[in-house]
Amino acid sequence: MEKGPNNRTKLAGSSEISYNKFMQYLAWMCQKNLIKEENGLVIVMEEGIRTYNMLVDWILKHVGKLMFRR
């Protein structure tokens, strides 16, 4: 995963889900302060990084060692 802000169209294409579904997820993540959109870019907030790390730790603990990039 690239670090730093990304264009939402580029992210939608990488997600391999429909653009409409992607936009619903994007709105939800904005409401939860996990990300923010600024000048057409999507920026992961500190809370988003913390939440992602907690999720990866939980998966590694309960599912097993899978390949997750931090």
Protein backbone atom coordinates (compact mmCIF):
# COMPACT_ATOMS: atom_id res chain seq x y z
CA MET A 1 0.00 0.00 0.00
CA GLU A 2 1.28 3.44 -0.86
CA LYS A 3 1.88 5.84 1.99
CA GLY A 4 0.41 9.31 1.96
CA PRO A 5 -2.79 10.68 0.41
CA ASN A 6 -4.38 9.03 -2.62
CA ASN A 7 -6.93 10.04 -5.21
CA ARG A 8 -10.30 8.39 -4.41
CA THR A 9 -10.80 7.21 -8.02
CA LYS A 10 -7.44 5.42 -7.91
CA LEU A 11 -8.39 3.85 -4.55
CA ALA A 12 -11.80 2.77 -5.87
CA GLY A 13 -10.17 1.02 -8.83
CA SER A 14 -7.72 -0.74 -6.53
CA SER A 15 -10.50 -1.91 -4.22
CA GLU A 16 -12.06 -4.10 -6.94
CA ILE A 17 -15.59 -3.25 -5.77
CA SER A 18 -18.17 -1.09 -7.49
CA TYR A 19 -17.59 2.65 -7.32
CA ASN A 20 -20.97 3.17 -5.60
CA LYS A 21 -20.14 0.61 -2.89
CA PHE A 22 -16.68 2.14 -2.49
CA MET A 23 -18.22 5.59 -2.00
CA GLN A 24 -20.53 4.18 0.72
CA TYR A 25 -17.51 2.73 2.55
CA LEU A 26 -15.60 5.97 2.08
CA ALA A 27 -18.46 8.00 3.59
CA TRP A 28 -18.69 5.58 6.54
CA MET A 29 -14.94 5.82 7.20
CA CYS A 30 -15.15 9.64 7.05
CA GLN A 31 -18.00 9.62 9.60
CA LYS A 32 -15.88 7.45 11.92
CA ASN A 33 -12.88 9.81 11.52
CA LEU A 34 -10.74 7.01 10.11
CA ILE A 35 -10.03 9.01 6.95
CA LYS A 36 -10.70 12.47 5.57
CA GLU A 37 -11.07 13.83 2.07
CA GLU A 38 -9.22 17.03 1.34
CA ASN A 39 -8.86 18.65 -2.10
CA GLY A 40 -9.83 15.40 -3.83
CA LEU A 41 -7.37 13.31 -1.83
CA VAL A 42 -8.09 10.63 0.77
CA ILE A 43 -5.93 10.88 3.90
CA VAL A 44 -5.75 8.20 6.58
CA MET A 45 -6.16 9.78 10.00
CA GLU A 46 -4.33 8.71 13.16
CA GLU A 47 -7.49 6.89 14.33
CA GLY A 48 -7.58 5.01 11.01
CA ILE A 49 -3.98 3.85 11.44
CA ARG A 50 -4.65 2.81 15.04
CA THR A 51 -7.80 0.92 14.03
CA TYR A 52 -6.03 -0.84 11.15
CA ASN A 53 -3.20 -1.95 13.45
CA MET A 54 -5.67 -3.25 16.04
CA LEU A 55 -7.51 -5.23 13.34
CA VAL A 56 -4.28 -6.76 12.00
CA ASP A 57 -3.17 -7.68 15.54
CA TRP A 58 -6.53 -9.35 16.20
CA ILE A 59 -6.40 -11.32 12.94
CA LEU A 60 -2.84 -12.46 13.62
CA LYS A 61 -3.78 -13.55 17.14
CA HIS A 62 -7.06 -15.30 16.33
CA VAL A 63 -6.77 -16.41 12.69
CA GLY A 64 -3.08 -17.07 12.33
CA LYS A 65 -0.08 -15.52 10.71
CA LEU A 66 -1.22 -14.16 7.39
CA MET A 67 0.65 -11.71 5.23
CA PHE A 68 -0.37 -8.19 6.22
CA ARG A 69 1.65 -5.15 5.34
CA ARG A 70 1.81 -2.41 7.94
